[in-house]
Amino acid sequence: MHQMNLHRLATFQVVAKHCSYSRAADELHFSQPAVSAQIRQLEDSLGVRLFDKIGHKTHLTPAGEELYRYSEKIFELIDETIETMDTLRNPHYGHLRVGADTTVGTYVVPRVLGKFRQLYPNVEITLEVVNRGYLLDDLSQNRVDMVIMGKIPTEMPVFVAPFAPNELVLIAPPTHRLAGCVRIPLPNWRANASCCVNQALAPVPRLNRPSRMLAIRSW
């Protein structure tokens, strides 16, 4: 298998550009024998002649013309790779994959990501809004960088950072005896209200802690 030395390829590119060993040596600040030696080593490694000397002029062979064409693509790709790596080292660039459960993803996350976008306009954001089961699977399979949900997952070891309160609100008709109350102690709530929760979309709130209070809103 042939191996290509990028340093020799860069030297070849300069010689091919000028069709001159002496001009290439001047540009590279090498001696002309050093340039000639690198070209010979490159030819030996590839098994082809890259230049023909006719009189006092240097010409590319067909193999040299092909190598010059590919060398331009190779160094363009190297420059692009370095630029991409530099970009990824910058925290203000990149791609952020966010997952959110249905409720949070509908009512909370768009506003938060909108502010994030204003601060970091060069970060590409992908948002996936699905139910909790799919979110945990995405997280375990590394298909998302972070998830935002209403209940802390206990199914797997994760880093958790609370960032916003999750207010529980009791909805009641205006004629309900609790309508107009600003806050309701849990014992009163248990005696006067009931709720239904879609298990696929949100966890059932734990309402057995006596210290928790509920706000009430009427429709």
N, C-alpha and C. Protein backbone atom coordinates (compact mmCIF):
# COMPACT_ATOMS: atom_id res chain seq x y z
N MET A 1 0.84 -1.20 0.00
CA MET A 1 0.00 0.00 0.00
C MET A 1 0.88 1.25 0.00
N HIS A 2 0.62 2.16 -0.94
CA HIS A 2 1.40 3.39 -1.03
C HIS A 2 1.00 4.35 0.09
N GLN A 3 2.00 5.02 0.67
CA GLN A 3 1.75 6.02 1.69
C GLN A 3 2.21 7.37 1.17
N MET A 4 1.44 8.41 1.53
CA MET A 4 1.75 9.74 1.03
C MET A 4 2.11 10.66 2.19
N ASN A 5 3.24 11.32 2.07
CA ASN A 5 3.69 12.28 3.07
C ASN A 5 3.15 13.66 2.69
N LEU A 6 2.38 14.26 3.59
CA LEU A 6 1.74 15.54 3.27
C LEU A 6 2.77 16.65 3.09
N HIS A 7 3.87 16.57 3.80
CA HIS A 7 4.91 17.59 3.65
C HIS A 7 5.50 17.54 2.24
N ARG A 8 5.75 16.33 1.75
CA ARG A 8 6.26 16.18 0.38
C ARG A 8 5.20 16.59 -0.63
N LEU A 9 3.94 16.29 -0.33
CA LEU A 9 2.86 16.67 -1.24
C LEU A 9 2.75 18.19 -1.34
N ALA A 10 2.94 18.87 -0.22
CA ALA A 10 2.90 20.34 -0.23
C ALA A 10 4.05 20.90 -1.06
N THR A 11 5.22 20.28 -0.94
CA THR A 11 6.36 20.71 -1.75
C THR A 11 6.08 20.48 -3.23
N PHE A 12 5.52 19.32 -3.55
CA PHE A 12 5.15 19.02 -4.94
C PHE A 12 4.18 20.07 -5.47
N GLN A 13 3.22 20.48 -4.67
CA GLN A 13 2.21 21.43 -5.13
C GLN A 13 2.86 22.76 -5.52
N VAL A 14 3.84 23.19 -4.75
CA VAL A 14 4.51 24.46 -5.06
C VAL A 14 5.35 24.32 -6.33
N VAL A 15 6.06 23.20 -6.48
CA VAL A 15 6.84 22.98 -7.70
C VAL A 15 5.92 22.94 -8.91
N ALA A 16 4.78 22.24 -8.77
CA ALA A 16 3.84 22.13 -9.88
C ALA A 16 3.24 23.49 -10.23
N LYS A 17 3.01 24.31 -9.23
CA LYS A 17 2.42 25.64 -9.48
C LYS A 17 3.36 26.49 -10.32
N HIS A 18 4.65 26.42 -10.02
CA HIS A 18 5.63 27.25 -10.75
C HIS A 18 6.26 26.52 -11.93
N CYS A 19 6.11 25.18 -11.96
CA CYS A 19 6.85 24.36 -12.93
C CYS A 19 8.33 24.72 -12.88
N SER A 20 8.82 24.87 -11.66
CA SER A 20 10.21 25.27 -11.46
C SER A 20 10.66 24.85 -10.07
N TYR A 21 11.78 24.13 -10.01
CA TYR A 21 12.34 23.74 -8.72
C TYR A 21 12.94 24.94 -8.00
N SER A 22 13.59 25.82 -8.76
CA SER A 22 14.26 26.96 -8.13
C SER A 22 13.25 27.94 -7.55
N ARG A 23 12.16 28.21 -8.27
CA ARG A 23 11.15 29.12 -7.73
C ARG A 23 10.46 28.50 -6.51
N ALA A 24 10.23 27.20 -6.56
CA ALA A 24 9.63 26.53 -5.41
C ALA A 24 10.56 26.61 -4.20
N ALA A 25 11.86 26.45 -4.44
CA ALA A 25 12.82 26.53 -3.34
C ALA A 25 12.82 27.92 -2.73
N ASP A 26 12.72 28.96 -3.57
CA ASP A 26 12.67 30.33 -3.05
C ASP A 26 11.42 30.55 -2.20
N GLU A 27 10.27 30.06 -2.68
CA GLU A 27 9.02 30.27 -1.94
C GLU A 27 9.02 29.51 -0.63
N LEU A 28 9.58 28.31 -0.64
CA LEU A 28 9.56 27.46 0.56
C LEU A 28 10.74 27.73 1.48
N HIS A 29 11.69 28.53 1.03
CA HIS A 29 12.90 28.82 1.79
C HIS A 29 13.70 27.53 2.05
N PHE A 30 13.73 26.67 1.02
CA PHE A 30 14.55 25.46 1.05
C PHE A 30 15.66 25.63 0.02
N SER A 31 16.64 24.75 0.12
CA SER A 31 17.63 24.68 -0.96
C SER A 31 17.01 23.90 -2.12
N GLN A 32 17.50 24.17 -3.33
CA GLN A 32 16.96 23.44 -4.48
C GLN A 32 17.21 21.94 -4.38
N PRO A 33 18.40 21.49 -3.92
CA PRO A 33 18.60 20.04 -3.75
C PRO A 33 17.60 19.41 -2.77
N ALA A 34 17.22 20.16 -1.72
CA ALA A 34 16.26 19.63 -0.75
C ALA A 34 14.89 19.45 -1.40
N VAL A 35 14.50 20.41 -2.25
CA VAL A 35 13.22 20.30 -2.96
C VAL A 35 13.26 19.11 -3.91
N SER A 36 14.34 18.97 -4.65
CA SER A 36 14.48 17.85 -5.59
C SER A 36 14.42 16.52 -4.86
N ALA A 37 15.05 16.45 -3.69
CA ALA A 37 15.06 15.20 -2.92
C ALA A 37 13.64 14.84 -2.47
N GLN A 38 12.86 15.83 -2.06
CA GLN A 38 11.49 15.54 -1.61
C GLN A 38 10.63 15.06 -2.77
N ILE A 39 10.83 15.63 -3.95
CA ILE A 39 10.05 15.19 -5.12
C ILE A 39 10.43 13.75 -5.49
N ARG A 40 11.73 13.44 -5.44
CA ARG A 40 12.16 12.06 -5.74
C ARG A 40 11.56 11.07 -4.74
N GLN A 41 11.55 11.45 -3.47
CA GLN A 41 10.98 10.56 -2.45
C GLN A 41 9.48 10.37 -2.67
N LEU A 42 8.79 11.43 -3.08
CA LEU A 42 7.36 11.32 -3.36
C LEU A 42 7.12 10.42 -4.57
N GLU A 43 7.93 10.59 -5.61
CA GLU A 43 7.81 9.74 -6.79
C GLU A 43 8.07 8.27 -6.44
N ASP A 44 9.08 8.03 -5.61
CA ASP A 44 9.40 6.66 -5.23
C ASP A 44 8.25 6.03 -4.43
N SER A 45 7.64 6.82 -3.54
CA SER A 45 6.56 6.28 -2.71
C SER A 45 5.32 5.98 -3.53
N LEU A 46 5.09 6.76 -4.61
CA LEU A 46 3.91 6.55 -5.45
C LEU A 46 4.18 5.63 -6.63
N GLY A 47 5.44 5.47 -6.98
CA GLY A 47 5.80 4.60 -8.09
C GLY A 47 5.54 5.21 -9.45
N VAL A 48 5.53 6.54 -9.55
CA VAL A 48 5.29 7.23 -10.84
C VAL A 48 6.23 8.42 -10.95
N ARG A 49 6.47 8.86 -12.20
CA ARG A 49 7.19 10.11 -12.42
C ARG A 49 6.19 11.25 -12.42
N LEU A 50 6.56 12.33 -11.77
CA LEU A 50 5.65 13.47 -11.65
C LEU A 50 6.06 14.64 -12.56
N PHE A 51 7.34 14.71 -12.90
CA PHE A 51 7.83 15.82 -13.73
C PHE A 51 8.74 15.27 -14.84
N ASP A 52 8.69 15.93 -15.97
CA ASP A 52 9.65 15.71 -17.06
C ASP A 52 10.41 17.01 -17.28
N LYS A 53 11.70 16.88 -17.51
CA LYS A 53 12.51 18.07 -17.80
C LYS A 53 12.86 18.04 -19.28
N ILE A 54 12.39 19.04 -20.00
CA ILE A 54 12.64 19.16 -21.43
C ILE A 54 13.42 20.45 -21.64
N GLY A 55 14.67 20.30 -21.99
CA GLY A 55 15.54 21.47 -22.10
C GLY A 55 15.73 22.07 -20.73
N HIS A 56 15.43 23.36 -20.61
CA HIS A 56 15.56 24.04 -19.32
C HIS A 56 14.20 24.18 -18.63
N LYS A 57 13.16 23.55 -19.17
CA LYS A 57 11.82 23.70 -18.62
C LYS A 57 11.35 22.41 -17.95
N THR A 58 10.57 22.59 -16.88
CA THR A 58 10.01 21.46 -16.13
C THR A 58 8.52 21.37 -16.44
N HIS A 59 8.07 20.17 -16.78
CA HIS A 59 6.67 19.97 -17.14
C HIS A 59 6.08 18.84 -16.28
N LEU A 60 4.81 18.96 -15.98
CA LEU A 60 4.11 17.89 -15.28
C LEU A 60 3.84 16.73 -16.22
N THR A 61 4.02 15.53 -15.73
CA THR A 61 3.61 14.34 -16.48
C THR A 61 2.10 14.17 -16.29
N PRO A 62 1.46 13.28 -17.06
CA PRO A 62 0.03 13.03 -16.82
C PRO A 62 -0.26 12.64 -15.36
N ALA A 63 0.63 11.83 -14.77
CA ALA A 63 0.44 11.48 -13.35
C ALA A 63 0.60 12.70 -12.47
N GLY A 64 1.54 13.58 -12.82
CA GLY A 64 1.74 14.81 -12.06
C GLY A 64 0.53 15.73 -12.14
N GLU A 65 -0.08 15.82 -13.33
CA GLU A 65 -1.27 16.65 -13.48
C GLU A 65 -2.42 16.14 -12.61
N GLU A 66 -2.58 14.81 -12.58
CA GLU A 66 -3.64 14.23 -11.75
C GLU A 66 -3.37 14.46 -10.27
N LEU A 67 -2.10 14.28 -9.87
CA LEU A 67 -1.76 14.47 -8.47
C LEU A 67 -1.95 15.93 -8.06
N TYR A 68 -1.61 16.86 -8.95
CA TYR A 68 -1.79 18.27 -8.63
C TYR A 68 -3.27 18.59 -8.42
N ARG A 69 -4.12 18.01 -9.27
CA ARG A 69 -5.56 18.24 -9.14
C ARG A 69 -6.07 17.69 -7.80
N TYR A 70 -5.61 16.50 -7.45
CA TYR A 70 -6.06 15.91 -6.18
C TYR A 70 -5.44 16.63 -4.98
N SER A 71 -4.21 17.12 -5.14
CA SER A 71 -3.56 17.80 -4.02
C SER A 71 -4.33 19.06 -3.63
N GLU A 72 -4.89 19.75 -4.62
CA GLU A 72 -5.69 20.94 -4.30
C GLU A 72 -6.91 20.56 -3.47
N LYS A 73 -7.56 19.45 -3.84
CA LYS A 73 -8.73 18.99 -3.07
C LYS A 73 -8.32 18.56 -1.67
N ILE A 74 -7.17 17.87 -1.58
CA ILE A 74 -6.71 17.37 -0.28
C ILE A 74 -6.45 18.53 0.68
N PHE A 75 -5.75 19.56 0.22
CA PHE A 75 -5.41 20.66 1.12
C PHE A 75 -6.62 21.55 1.40
N GLU A 76 -7.55 21.63 0.46
CA GLU A 76 -8.80 22.34 0.75
C GLU A 76 -9.57 21.62 1.85
N LEU A 77 -9.59 20.28 1.77
CA LEU A 77 -10.30 19.50 2.78
C LEU A 77 -9.60 19.60 4.14
N ILE A 78 -8.27 19.63 4.14
CA ILE A 78 -7.53 19.79 5.39
C ILE A 78 -7.85 21.14 6.02
N ASP A 79 -7.85 22.20 5.20
CA ASP A 79 -8.18 23.54 5.72
C ASP A 79 -9.60 23.57 6.29
N GLU A 80 -10.52 22.92 5.58
CA GLU A 80 -11.91 22.88 6.05
C GLU A 80 -12.02 22.11 7.36
N THR A 81 -11.25 21.01 7.48
CA THR A 81 -11.27 20.22 8.70
C THR A 81 -10.74 21.03 9.88
N ILE A 82 -9.64 21.74 9.67
CA ILE A 82 -9.07 22.55 10.75
C ILE A 82 -10.04 23.65 11.16
N GLU A 83 -10.69 24.26 10.18
CA GLU A 83 -11.67 25.32 10.48
C GLU A 83 -12.83 24.76 11.29
N THR A 84 -13.29 23.55 10.93
CA THR A 84 -14.39 22.93 11.66
C THR A 84 -13.99 22.60 13.08
N MET A 85 -12.78 22.07 13.27
CA MET A 85 -12.32 21.76 14.62
C MET A 85 -12.17 23.02 15.46
N ASP A 86 -11.70 24.11 14.85
CA ASP A 86 -11.60 25.38 15.57
C ASP A 86 -12.99 25.86 16.00
N THR A 87 -13.97 25.66 15.11
CA THR A 87 -15.33 26.07 15.43
C THR A 87 -15.89 25.26 16.58
N LEU A 88 -15.64 23.95 16.58
CA LEU A 88 -16.18 23.08 17.63
C LEU A 88 -15.54 23.36 18.98
N ARG A 89 -14.33 23.91 18.99
CA ARG A 89 -13.70 24.28 20.26
C ARG A 89 -14.33 25.53 20.85
N ASN A 90 -15.04 26.29 20.03
CA ASN A 90 -15.67 27.52 20.49
C ASN A 90 -17.05 27.19 21.05
N PRO A 91 -17.32 27.49 22.34
CA PRO A 91 -18.62 27.13 22.92
C PRO A 91 -19.78 27.90 22.31
N HIS A 92 -19.52 28.94 21.53
CA HIS A 92 -20.58 29.73 20.92
C HIS A 92 -20.99 29.18 19.56
N TYR A 93 -20.43 28.04 19.17
CA TYR A 93 -20.78 27.39 17.92
C TYR A 93 -21.10 25.93 18.21
N GLY A 94 -21.67 25.26 17.23
CA GLY A 94 -21.91 23.83 17.38
C GLY A 94 -23.37 23.47 17.18
N HIS A 95 -23.73 22.29 17.67
CA HIS A 95 -25.08 21.75 17.49
C HIS A 95 -25.57 21.23 18.84
N LEU A 96 -26.71 21.73 19.29
CA LEU A 96 -27.30 21.32 20.56
C LEU A 96 -28.58 20.55 20.27
N ARG A 97 -28.62 19.29 20.74
CA ARG A 97 -29.80 18.43 20.54
C ARG A 97 -30.58 18.37 21.85
N VAL A 98 -31.80 18.88 21.81
CA VAL A 98 -32.62 19.00 23.02
C VAL A 98 -33.86 18.14 22.87
N GLY A 99 -34.21 17.41 23.92
CA GLY A 99 -35.46 16.67 23.97
C GLY A 99 -36.32 17.22 25.09
N ALA A 100 -37.63 17.19 24.92
CA ALA A 100 -38.53 17.69 25.95
C ALA A 100 -39.81 16.87 25.93
N ASP A 101 -40.42 16.72 27.13
CA ASP A 101 -41.70 16.02 27.15
C ASP A 101 -42.78 16.92 26.56
N THR A 102 -43.96 16.36 26.35
CA THR A 102 -44.98 17.05 25.56
C THR A 102 -45.40 18.37 26.17
N THR A 103 -45.65 18.39 27.47
CA THR A 103 -46.12 19.62 28.11
C THR A 103 -45.04 20.68 28.14
N VAL A 104 -43.86 20.30 28.65
CA VAL A 104 -42.76 21.26 28.75
C VAL A 104 -42.32 21.72 27.37
N GLY A 105 -42.27 20.78 26.42
CA GLY A 105 -41.83 21.13 25.07
C GLY A 105 -42.79 22.06 24.35
N THR A 106 -44.05 22.04 24.77
CA THR A 106 -45.05 22.90 24.13
C THR A 106 -45.11 24.28 24.76
N TYR A 107 -45.01 24.36 26.08
CA TYR A 107 -45.29 25.62 26.77
C TYR A 107 -44.06 26.31 27.36
N VAL A 108 -42.98 25.59 27.60
CA VAL A 108 -41.83 26.17 28.30
C VAL A 108 -40.60 26.31 27.40
N VAL A 109 -40.24 25.20 26.75
CA VAL A 109 -38.97 25.15 26.03
C VAL A 109 -38.87 26.16 24.88
N PRO A 110 -39.91 26.38 24.06
CA PRO A 110 -39.74 27.35 22.96
C PRO A 110 -39.30 28.73 23.44
N ARG A 111 -39.84 29.18 24.56
CA ARG A 111 -39.44 30.50 25.07
C ARG A 111 -37.99 30.48 25.55
N VAL A 112 -37.61 29.38 26.24
CA VAL A 112 -36.24 29.28 26.74
C VAL A 112 -35.24 29.21 25.59
N LEU A 113 -35.55 28.38 24.59
CA LEU A 113 -34.63 28.25 23.45
C LEU A 113 -34.58 29.53 22.63
N GLY A 114 -35.68 30.28 22.62
CA GLY A 114 -35.66 31.57 21.93
C GLY A 114 -34.65 32.52 22.55
N LYS A 115 -34.61 32.56 23.88
CA LYS A 115 -33.62 33.41 24.56
C LYS A 115 -32.20 32.89 24.33
N PHE A 116 -32.06 31.56 24.36
CA PHE A 116 -30.75 30.96 24.11
C PHE A 116 -30.26 31.32 22.71
N ARG A 117 -31.18 31.28 21.75
CA ARG A 117 -30.83 31.59 20.36
C ARG A 117 -30.35 33.03 20.22
N GLN A 118 -30.94 33.93 20.98
CA GLN A 118 -30.51 35.33 20.93
C GLN A 118 -29.09 35.49 21.47
N LEU A 119 -28.76 34.71 22.50
CA LEU A 119 -27.42 34.80 23.09
C LEU A 119 -26.37 34.09 22.24
N TYR A 120 -26.76 32.97 21.61
CA TYR A 120 -25.81 32.16 20.84
C TYR A 120 -26.39 31.88 19.45
N PRO A 121 -26.41 32.88 18.58
CA PRO A 121 -27.06 32.71 17.27
C PRO A 121 -26.37 31.71 16.36
N ASN A 122 -25.11 31.37 16.64
CA ASN A 122 -24.38 30.45 15.76
C ASN A 122 -24.48 29.00 16.20
N VAL A 123 -25.24 28.73 17.26
CA VAL A 123 -25.45 27.35 17.70
C VAL A 123 -26.71 26.81 17.02
N GLU A 124 -26.56 25.71 16.32
CA GLU A 124 -27.71 25.07 15.69
C GLU A 124 -28.46 24.23 16.73
N ILE A 125 -29.78 24.41 16.81
CA ILE A 125 -30.58 23.74 17.83
C ILE A 125 -31.56 22.78 17.16
N THR A 126 -31.61 21.56 17.67
CA THR A 126 -32.61 20.59 17.25
C THR A 126 -33.48 20.25 18.45
N LEU A 127 -34.79 20.42 18.34
CA LEU A 127 -35.71 20.15 19.44
C LEU A 127 -36.62 18.99 19.06
N GLU A 128 -36.68 17.99 19.94
CA GLU A 128 -37.57 16.85 19.75
C GLU A 128 -38.56 16.82 20.92
N VAL A 129 -39.84 16.91 20.61
CA VAL A 129 -40.89 16.90 21.63
C VAL A 129 -41.62 15.56 21.55
N VAL A 130 -41.42 14.71 22.55
CA VAL A 130 -42.03 13.38 22.58
C VAL A 130 -42.44 13.06 24.01
N ASN A 131 -43.08 11.91 24.22
CA ASN A 131 -43.47 11.57 25.58
C ASN A 131 -42.26 11.07 26.37
N ARG A 132 -42.45 10.91 27.66
CA ARG A 132 -41.36 10.63 28.58
C ARG A 132 -40.58 9.36 28.23
N GLY A 133 -41.30 8.31 27.83
CA GLY A 133 -40.63 7.05 27.52
C GLY A 133 -39.64 7.18 26.39
N TYR A 134 -40.03 7.88 25.32
CA TYR A 134 -39.12 8.10 24.19
C TYR A 134 -37.94 8.97 24.60
N LEU A 135 -38.20 9.96 25.48
CA LEU A 135 -37.12 10.85 25.92
C LEU A 135 -36.02 10.07 26.63
N LEU A 136 -36.41 9.20 27.54
CA LEU A 136 -35.41 8.43 28.29
C LEU A 136 -34.63 7.51 27.37
N ASP A 137 -35.30 6.96 26.36
CA ASP A 137 -34.60 6.11 25.40
C ASP A 137 -33.61 6.93 24.58
N ASP A 138 -34.02 8.13 24.14
CA ASP A 138 -33.11 9.01 23.40
C ASP A 138 -31.89 9.37 24.24
N LEU A 139 -32.13 9.62 25.52
CA LEU A 139 -31.04 10.00 26.41
C LEU A 139 -30.07 8.84 26.61
N SER A 140 -30.59 7.65 26.80
CA SER A 140 -29.72 6.49 27.02
C SER A 140 -28.95 6.11 25.77
N GLN A 141 -29.50 6.40 24.58
CA GLN A 141 -28.83 6.08 23.32
C GLN A 141 -28.00 7.24 22.77
N ASN A 142 -27.88 8.32 23.56
CA ASN A 142 -27.07 9.48 23.18
C ASN A 142 -27.58 10.15 21.89
N ARG A 143 -28.89 10.11 21.69
CA ARG A 143 -29.46 10.79 20.53
C ARG A 143 -29.78 12.25 20.83
N VAL A 144 -29.74 12.62 22.10
CA VAL A 144 -29.93 14.02 22.51
C VAL A 144 -28.84 14.38 23.50
N ASP A 145 -28.53 15.67 23.60
CA ASP A 145 -27.52 16.14 24.54
C ASP A 145 -28.12 16.42 25.91
N MET A 146 -29.39 16.79 25.93
CA MET A 146 -30.05 17.09 27.19
C MET A 146 -31.55 16.94 27.00
N VAL A 147 -32.25 16.69 28.11
CA VAL A 147 -33.71 16.63 28.06
C VAL A 147 -34.28 17.54 29.14
N ILE A 148 -35.46 18.05 28.87
CA ILE A 148 -36.17 18.90 29.83
C ILE A 148 -37.51 18.26 30.09
N MET A 149 -37.76 17.91 31.36
CA MET A 149 -39.00 17.23 31.70
C MET A 149 -39.44 17.64 33.09
N GLY A 150 -40.68 17.31 33.42
CA GLY A 150 -41.24 17.74 34.69
C GLY A 150 -40.88 16.87 35.86
N LYS A 151 -40.47 15.63 35.62
CA LYS A 151 -40.16 14.71 36.71
C LYS A 151 -38.74 14.17 36.53
N ILE A 152 -37.97 14.17 37.62
CA ILE A 152 -36.60 13.69 37.56
C ILE A 152 -36.59 12.19 37.27
N PRO A 153 -35.85 11.75 36.25
CA PRO A 153 -35.80 10.31 35.96
C PRO A 153 -34.98 9.56 37.00
N THR A 154 -35.51 8.44 37.44
CA THR A 154 -34.79 7.58 38.38
C THR A 154 -34.34 6.28 37.71
N GLU A 155 -34.68 6.14 36.42
CA GLU A 155 -34.37 4.90 35.71
C GLU A 155 -32.90 4.78 35.33
N MET A 156 -32.16 5.90 35.36
CA MET A 156 -30.77 5.88 34.94
C MET A 156 -30.01 6.97 35.69
N PRO A 157 -28.68 6.80 35.84
CA PRO A 157 -27.90 7.85 36.51
C PRO A 157 -27.70 9.04 35.57
N VAL A 158 -28.19 10.19 35.96
CA VAL A 158 -28.08 11.39 35.14
C VAL A 158 -27.75 12.59 36.02
N PHE A 159 -27.19 13.61 35.40
CA PHE A 159 -26.97 14.88 36.09
C PHE A 159 -28.24 15.71 35.95
N VAL A 160 -28.74 16.22 37.07
CA VAL A 160 -30.00 16.96 37.07
C VAL A 160 -29.75 18.38 37.54
N ALA A 161 -30.29 19.36 36.82
CA ALA A 161 -30.15 20.77 37.19
C ALA A 161 -31.51 21.44 37.08
N PRO A 162 -32.24 21.61 38.20
CA PRO A 162 -33.53 22.33 38.14
C PRO A 162 -33.31 23.76 37.66
N PHE A 163 -34.17 24.24 36.79
CA PHE A 163 -33.98 25.60 36.27
C PHE A 163 -35.25 26.45 36.33
N ALA A 164 -36.41 25.85 36.69
CA ALA A 164 -37.63 26.65 36.75
C ALA A 164 -38.62 25.96 37.67
N PRO A 165 -39.47 26.72 38.38
CA PRO A 165 -40.51 26.10 39.22
C PRO A 165 -41.57 25.44 38.36
N ASN A 166 -42.17 24.39 38.90
CA ASN A 166 -43.22 23.66 38.18
C ASN A 166 -44.51 23.81 38.99
N GLU A 167 -45.24 24.88 38.72
CA GLU A 167 -46.43 25.21 39.50
C GLU A 167 -47.57 24.26 39.18
N LEU A 168 -48.24 23.77 40.22
CA LEU A 168 -49.44 22.96 40.06
C LEU A 168 -50.65 23.86 40.25
N VAL A 169 -51.55 23.84 39.30
CA VAL A 169 -52.71 24.73 39.32
C VAL A 169 -53.98 23.90 39.27
N LEU A 170 -54.91 24.19 40.18
CA LEU A 170 -56.20 23.52 40.20
C LEU A 170 -57.20 24.34 39.40
N ILE A 171 -57.83 23.72 38.42
CA ILE A 171 -58.81 24.40 37.58
C ILE A 171 -60.21 24.08 38.08
N ALA A 172 -61.05 25.11 38.25
CA ALA A 172 -62.40 24.89 38.77
C ALA A 172 -63.35 25.90 38.14
N PRO A 173 -64.63 25.56 38.05
CA PRO A 173 -65.61 26.53 37.54
C PRO A 173 -65.78 27.67 38.53
N PRO A 174 -66.24 28.83 38.08
CA PRO A 174 -66.35 29.99 38.97
C PRO A 174 -67.33 29.78 40.11
N THR A 175 -68.23 28.78 40.00
CA THR A 175 -69.21 28.54 41.06
C THR A 175 -68.69 27.58 42.12
N HIS A 176 -67.49 27.04 41.93
CA HIS A 176 -66.95 26.08 42.89
C HIS A 176 -66.68 26.77 44.22
N ARG A 177 -66.85 26.03 45.32
CA ARG A 177 -66.69 26.62 46.65
C ARG A 177 -65.26 27.09 46.92
N LEU A 178 -64.28 26.54 46.17
CA LEU A 178 -62.90 26.96 46.37
C LEU A 178 -62.48 28.08 45.42
N ALA A 179 -63.36 28.45 44.48
CA ALA A 179 -63.02 29.51 43.53
C ALA A 179 -62.75 30.80 44.28
N GLY A 180 -61.71 31.50 43.87
CA GLY A 180 -61.35 32.74 44.52
C GLY A 180 -60.25 32.58 45.55
N CYS A 181 -59.99 31.35 45.98
CA CYS A 181 -58.89 31.12 46.92
C CYS A 181 -57.56 31.28 46.20
N VAL A 182 -56.64 31.94 46.84
CA VAL A 182 -55.32 32.13 46.23
C VAL A 182 -54.47 30.89 46.40
N ARG A 183 -54.48 30.30 47.58
CA ARG A 183 -53.72 29.08 47.84
C ARG A 183 -54.59 28.14 48.66
N ILE A 184 -54.45 26.84 48.40
CA ILE A 184 -55.29 25.85 49.06
C ILE A 184 -54.41 24.81 49.74
N PRO A 185 -54.52 24.64 51.06
CA PRO A 185 -53.78 23.56 51.72
C PRO A 185 -54.24 22.21 51.18
N LEU A 186 -53.34 21.25 51.16
CA LEU A 186 -53.65 19.94 50.59
C LEU A 186 -54.85 19.25 51.23
N PRO A 187 -55.03 19.29 52.53
CA PRO A 187 -56.21 18.62 53.09
C PRO A 187 -57.52 19.14 52.49
N ASN A 188 -57.61 20.45 52.26
CA ASN A 188 -58.82 21.01 51.65
C ASN A 188 -58.95 20.57 50.20
N TRP A 189 -57.81 20.45 49.52
CA TRP A 189 -57.85 20.04 48.12
C TRP A 189 -58.33 18.61 47.99
N ARG A 190 -57.84 17.73 48.87
CA ARG A 190 -58.25 16.33 48.81
C ARG A 190 -59.76 16.18 49.02
N ALA A 191 -60.32 17.02 49.86
CA ALA A 191 -61.73 16.88 50.19
C ALA A 191 -62.65 17.46 49.13
N ASN A 192 -62.13 18.29 48.24
CA ASN A 192 -63.01 19.03 47.34
C ASN A 192 -62.67 18.90 45.86
N ALA A 193 -61.64 18.15 45.50
CA ALA A 193 -61.23 18.14 44.09
C ALA A 193 -60.79 16.76 43.67
N SER A 194 -60.78 16.56 42.39
CA SER A 194 -60.23 15.34 41.80
C SER A 194 -59.53 15.73 40.51
N CYS A 195 -58.62 14.88 40.04
CA CYS A 195 -57.91 15.20 38.81
C CYS A 195 -57.67 13.93 38.02
N CYS A 196 -57.51 14.10 36.72
CA CYS A 196 -57.19 13.00 35.81
C CYS A 196 -55.93 13.39 35.05
N VAL A 197 -54.99 12.48 34.97
CA VAL A 197 -53.73 12.77 34.31
C VAL A 197 -53.47 11.71 33.25
N ASN A 198 -53.06 12.15 32.07
CA ASN A 198 -52.68 11.23 31.00
C ASN A 198 -51.30 10.66 31.34
N GLN A 199 -51.25 9.38 31.68
CA GLN A 199 -49.99 8.77 32.12
C GLN A 199 -48.92 8.83 31.04
N ALA A 200 -49.30 8.82 29.78
CA ALA A 200 -48.31 8.83 28.70
C ALA A 200 -47.65 10.18 28.54
N LEU A 201 -48.32 11.24 29.02
CA LEU A 201 -47.80 12.58 28.79
C LEU A 201 -47.14 13.19 30.01
N ALA A 202 -47.62 12.87 31.21
CA ALA A 202 -47.08 13.52 32.39
C ALA A 202 -47.19 12.61 33.59
N PRO A 203 -46.27 12.71 34.54
CA PRO A 203 -46.35 11.91 35.75
C PRO A 203 -47.45 12.42 36.68
N VAL A 204 -48.06 11.51 37.43
CA VAL A 204 -49.05 11.93 38.41
C VAL A 204 -48.35 12.69 39.52
N PRO A 205 -48.77 13.90 39.85
CA PRO A 205 -48.08 14.66 40.90
C PRO A 205 -48.25 14.00 42.25
N ARG A 206 -47.21 14.07 43.06
CA ARG A 206 -47.27 13.53 44.41
C ARG A 206 -47.87 14.59 45.32
N LEU A 207 -49.08 14.36 45.76
CA LEU A 207 -49.80 15.37 46.52
C LEU A 207 -49.99 14.96 47.97
N ASN A 208 -49.14 14.07 48.46
CA ASN A 208 -49.32 13.59 49.83
C ASN A 208 -48.38 14.26 50.81
N ARG A 209 -47.68 15.29 50.36
CA ARG A 209 -46.80 16.00 51.29
C ARG A 209 -47.56 17.18 51.88
N PRO A 210 -47.77 17.23 53.17
CA PRO A 210 -48.63 18.26 53.78
C PRO A 210 -48.10 19.67 53.61
N SER A 211 -46.81 19.82 53.30
CA SER A 211 -46.25 21.17 53.20
C SER A 211 -46.59 21.83 51.87
N ARG A 212 -47.09 21.05 50.89
CA ARG A 212 -47.34 21.62 49.57
C ARG A 212 -48.68 22.34 49.54
N MET A 213 -48.68 23.49 48.88
CA MET A 213 -49.90 24.26 48.69
C MET A 213 -50.21 24.30 47.20
N LEU A 214 -51.47 24.43 46.84
CA LEU A 214 -51.88 24.52 45.45
C LEU A 214 -52.53 25.86 45.18
N ALA A 215 -52.18 26.44 44.02
CA ALA A 215 -52.89 27.63 43.58
C ALA A 215 -54.13 27.18 42.83
N ILE A 216 -55.13 28.04 42.76
CA ILE A 216 -56.36 27.68 42.05
C ILE A 216 -56.70 28.75 41.03
N ARG A 217 -57.13 28.30 39.87
CA ARG A 217 -57.60 29.21 38.84
C ARG A 217 -58.94 28.72 38.34
N SER A 218 -59.80 29.62 37.97
CA SER A 218 -61.12 29.23 37.46
C SER A 218 -61.18 29.54 35.98
N TRP A 219 -62.04 28.79 35.25
CA TRP A 219 -62.20 29.08 33.83
C TRP A 219 -63.45 29.92 33.61
